[in-house]
Amino acid sequence: MMLDRKKFYKFYNSIMNLDNKIRFVTIVDKSDVIIFGGQREGVKNYLSEEAQKKSIKHILDSWFL
């Protein structure tokens, strides 16, 4: 299945524009595959990339178990 990056970018931006306090948005599927995402410009990461992936995995596990 070909993903429409424009559609996900628009969805990402609509979420980011809800509040300036939103630091990052990650769109994932049920298989833990990151479809689209990013971090607000000028914002420092609290977590390493590996810790972010573990956090996303933990969230998905709690939603879909």
N, C-alpha and C. Protein backbone atom coordinates (compact mmCIF):
# COMPACT_ATOMS: atom_id res chain seq x y z
N MET A 1 0.85 -1.18 0.00
CA MET A 1 0.00 0.00 0.00
C MET A 1 0.89 1.25 0.00
N MET A 2 0.65 2.13 -0.94
CA MET A 2 1.41 3.37 -1.03
C MET A 2 0.77 4.40 -0.12
N LEU A 3 1.59 4.96 0.78
CA LEU A 3 1.09 5.96 1.71
C LEU A 3 1.16 7.34 1.08
N ASP A 4 0.15 8.13 1.34
CA ASP A 4 0.11 9.49 0.83
C ASP A 4 0.79 10.41 1.84
N ARG A 5 2.07 10.72 1.61
CA ARG A 5 2.85 11.53 2.55
C ARG A 5 2.23 12.91 2.76
N LYS A 6 1.63 13.47 1.72
CA LYS A 6 1.00 14.79 1.86
C LYS A 6 -0.13 14.74 2.88
N LYS A 7 -0.90 13.66 2.84
CA LYS A 7 -2.03 13.50 3.77
C LYS A 7 -1.52 13.41 5.21
N PHE A 8 -0.46 12.62 5.43
CA PHE A 8 0.08 12.48 6.77
C PHE A 8 0.77 13.76 7.24
N TYR A 9 1.43 14.46 6.32
CA TYR A 9 2.06 15.73 6.68
C TYR A 9 0.99 16.74 7.10
N LYS A 10 -0.11 16.77 6.38
CA LYS A 10 -1.22 17.68 6.72
C LYS A 10 -1.79 17.31 8.10
N PHE A 11 -1.98 16.03 8.35
CA PHE A 11 -2.49 15.56 9.64
C PHE A 11 -1.51 15.91 10.76
N TYR A 12 -0.22 15.67 10.52
CA TYR A 12 0.85 16.02 11.47
C TYR A 12 0.80 17.51 11.80
N ASN A 13 0.73 18.35 10.79
CA ASN A 13 0.69 19.80 11.01
C ASN A 13 -0.56 20.23 11.76
N SER A 14 -1.70 19.60 11.47
CA SER A 14 -2.93 19.98 12.17
C SER A 14 -2.81 19.67 13.67
N ILE A 15 -2.14 18.59 14.02
CA ILE A 15 -1.93 18.26 15.43
C ILE A 15 -0.93 19.24 16.06
N MET A 16 0.19 19.48 15.38
CA MET A 16 1.21 20.39 15.91
C MET A 16 0.65 21.80 16.12
N ASN A 17 -0.27 22.21 15.28
CA ASN A 17 -0.83 23.56 15.36
C ASN A 17 -1.92 23.70 16.43
N LEU A 18 -2.29 22.61 17.07
CA LEU A 18 -3.30 22.68 18.13
C LEU A 18 -2.80 23.46 19.34
N ASP A 19 -1.51 23.29 19.66
CA ASP A 19 -0.94 23.92 20.85
C ASP A 19 0.57 24.00 20.71
N ASN A 20 1.15 25.13 21.05
CA ASN A 20 2.60 25.30 20.97
C ASN A 20 3.35 24.41 21.96
N LYS A 21 2.66 23.84 22.94
CA LYS A 21 3.30 22.98 23.92
C LYS A 21 3.49 21.55 23.41
N ILE A 22 2.88 21.22 22.28
CA ILE A 22 3.08 19.90 21.69
C ILE A 22 4.50 19.86 21.14
N ARG A 23 5.28 18.90 21.62
CA ARG A 23 6.71 18.82 21.28
C ARG A 23 6.97 17.98 20.03
N PHE A 24 6.25 16.89 19.89
CA PHE A 24 6.43 16.03 18.72
C PHE A 24 5.16 15.25 18.44
N VAL A 25 5.06 14.79 17.23
CA VAL A 25 3.94 13.97 16.79
C VAL A 25 4.52 12.78 16.04
N THR A 26 4.05 11.59 16.36
CA THR A 26 4.45 10.39 15.65
C THR A 26 3.19 9.62 15.27
N ILE A 27 3.07 9.31 13.99
CA ILE A 27 1.93 8.54 13.49
C ILE A 27 2.45 7.13 13.21
N VAL A 28 1.87 6.14 13.88
CA VAL A 28 2.31 4.75 13.72
C VAL A 28 1.12 3.87 13.38
N ASP A 29 1.42 2.72 12.79
CA ASP A 29 0.35 1.76 12.54
C ASP A 29 0.35 0.70 13.65
N LYS A 30 -0.55 -0.24 13.57
CA LYS A 30 -0.67 -1.26 14.62
C LYS A 30 0.52 -2.22 14.66
N SER A 31 1.36 -2.18 13.64
CA SER A 31 2.53 -3.05 13.60
C SER A 31 3.78 -2.34 14.12
N ASP A 32 3.60 -1.22 14.79
CA ASP A 32 4.70 -0.43 15.36
C ASP A 32 5.56 0.25 14.28
N VAL A 33 5.05 0.36 13.06
CA VAL A 33 5.79 1.02 11.99
C VAL A 33 5.46 2.50 12.02
N ILE A 34 6.52 3.32 12.11
CA ILE A 34 6.32 4.77 12.10
C ILE A 34 6.01 5.18 10.67
N ILE A 35 4.83 5.79 10.50
CA ILE A 35 4.38 6.21 9.18
C ILE A 35 4.84 7.63 8.89
N PHE A 36 4.76 8.48 9.90
CA PHE A 36 5.15 9.88 9.74
C PHE A 36 5.35 10.48 11.12
N GLY A 37 6.20 11.47 11.19
CA GLY A 37 6.37 12.14 12.47
C GLY A 37 7.46 13.18 12.43
N GLY A 38 7.54 13.92 13.49
CA GLY A 38 8.57 14.93 13.58
C GLY A 38 8.49 15.65 14.91
N GLN A 39 9.47 16.50 15.09
CA GLN A 39 9.59 17.25 16.34
C GLN A 39 9.51 18.73 16.02
N ARG A 40 8.94 19.49 16.93
CA ARG A 40 8.85 20.94 16.75
C ARG A 40 10.26 21.51 16.65
N GLU A 41 10.44 22.42 15.72
CA GLU A 41 11.73 23.07 15.55
C GLU A 41 12.15 23.81 16.80
N GLY A 42 13.43 23.70 17.14
CA GLY A 42 13.98 24.41 18.29
C GLY A 42 13.73 23.77 19.63
N VAL A 43 13.12 22.58 19.63
CA VAL A 43 12.82 21.87 20.87
C VAL A 43 13.89 20.81 21.12
N LYS A 44 14.40 20.77 22.33
CA LYS A 44 15.42 19.79 22.71
C LYS A 44 14.76 18.45 23.07
N ASN A 45 15.35 17.36 22.61
CA ASN A 45 14.85 16.02 22.96
C ASN A 45 15.08 15.73 24.43
N TYR A 46 14.09 15.16 25.09
CA TYR A 46 14.27 14.64 26.44
C TYR A 46 14.76 13.20 26.38
N LEU A 47 14.35 12.48 25.34
CA LEU A 47 14.66 11.06 25.21
C LEU A 47 15.56 10.82 24.00
N SER A 48 16.37 9.79 24.08
CA SER A 48 17.15 9.37 22.91
C SER A 48 16.19 8.76 21.90
N GLU A 49 16.68 8.55 20.68
CA GLU A 49 15.84 7.93 19.65
C GLU A 49 15.38 6.54 20.09
N GLU A 50 16.29 5.79 20.70
CA GLU A 50 15.95 4.44 21.18
C GLU A 50 14.89 4.50 22.28
N ALA A 51 15.02 5.44 23.20
CA ALA A 51 14.03 5.60 24.27
C ALA A 51 12.67 6.03 23.71
N GLN A 52 12.68 6.85 22.66
CA GLN A 52 11.43 7.25 22.02
C GLN A 52 10.73 6.04 21.42
N LYS A 53 11.50 5.17 20.74
CA LYS A 53 10.92 3.96 20.15
C LYS A 53 10.33 3.05 21.23
N LYS A 54 11.03 2.91 22.34
CA LYS A 54 10.53 2.08 23.44
C LYS A 54 9.25 2.68 24.02
N SER A 55 9.21 4.00 24.13
CA SER A 55 8.02 4.67 24.65
C SER A 55 6.82 4.45 23.73
N ILE A 56 7.05 4.57 22.44
CA ILE A 56 5.98 4.34 21.46
C ILE A 56 5.50 2.90 21.54
N LYS A 57 6.44 1.96 21.64
CA LYS A 57 6.08 0.53 21.75
C LYS A 57 5.24 0.29 23.00
N HIS A 58 5.62 0.88 24.12
CA HIS A 58 4.87 0.74 25.37
C HIS A 58 3.45 1.29 25.21
N ILE A 59 3.31 2.44 24.60
CA ILE A 59 1.99 3.05 24.38
C ILE A 59 1.13 2.15 23.50
N LEU A 60 1.70 1.67 22.40
CA LEU A 60 0.94 0.80 21.49
C LEU A 60 0.52 -0.49 22.18
N ASP A 61 1.43 -1.07 22.96
CA ASP A 61 1.08 -2.30 23.69
C ASP A 61 -0.10 -2.06 24.63
N SER A 62 -0.12 -0.92 25.29
CA SER A 62 -1.21 -0.65 26.23
C SER A 62 -2.52 -0.40 25.50
N TRP A 63 -2.47 0.14 24.31
CA TRP A 63 -3.70 0.40 23.54
C TRP A 63 -4.28 -0.86 22.91
N PHE A 64 -3.41 -1.77 22.42
CA PHE A 64 -3.87 -2.85 21.58
C PHE A 64 -3.82 -4.22 22.23
N LEU A 65 -3.55 -4.29 23.51
CA LEU A 65 -3.54 -5.60 24.19
C LEU A 65 -4.93 -6.00 24.61
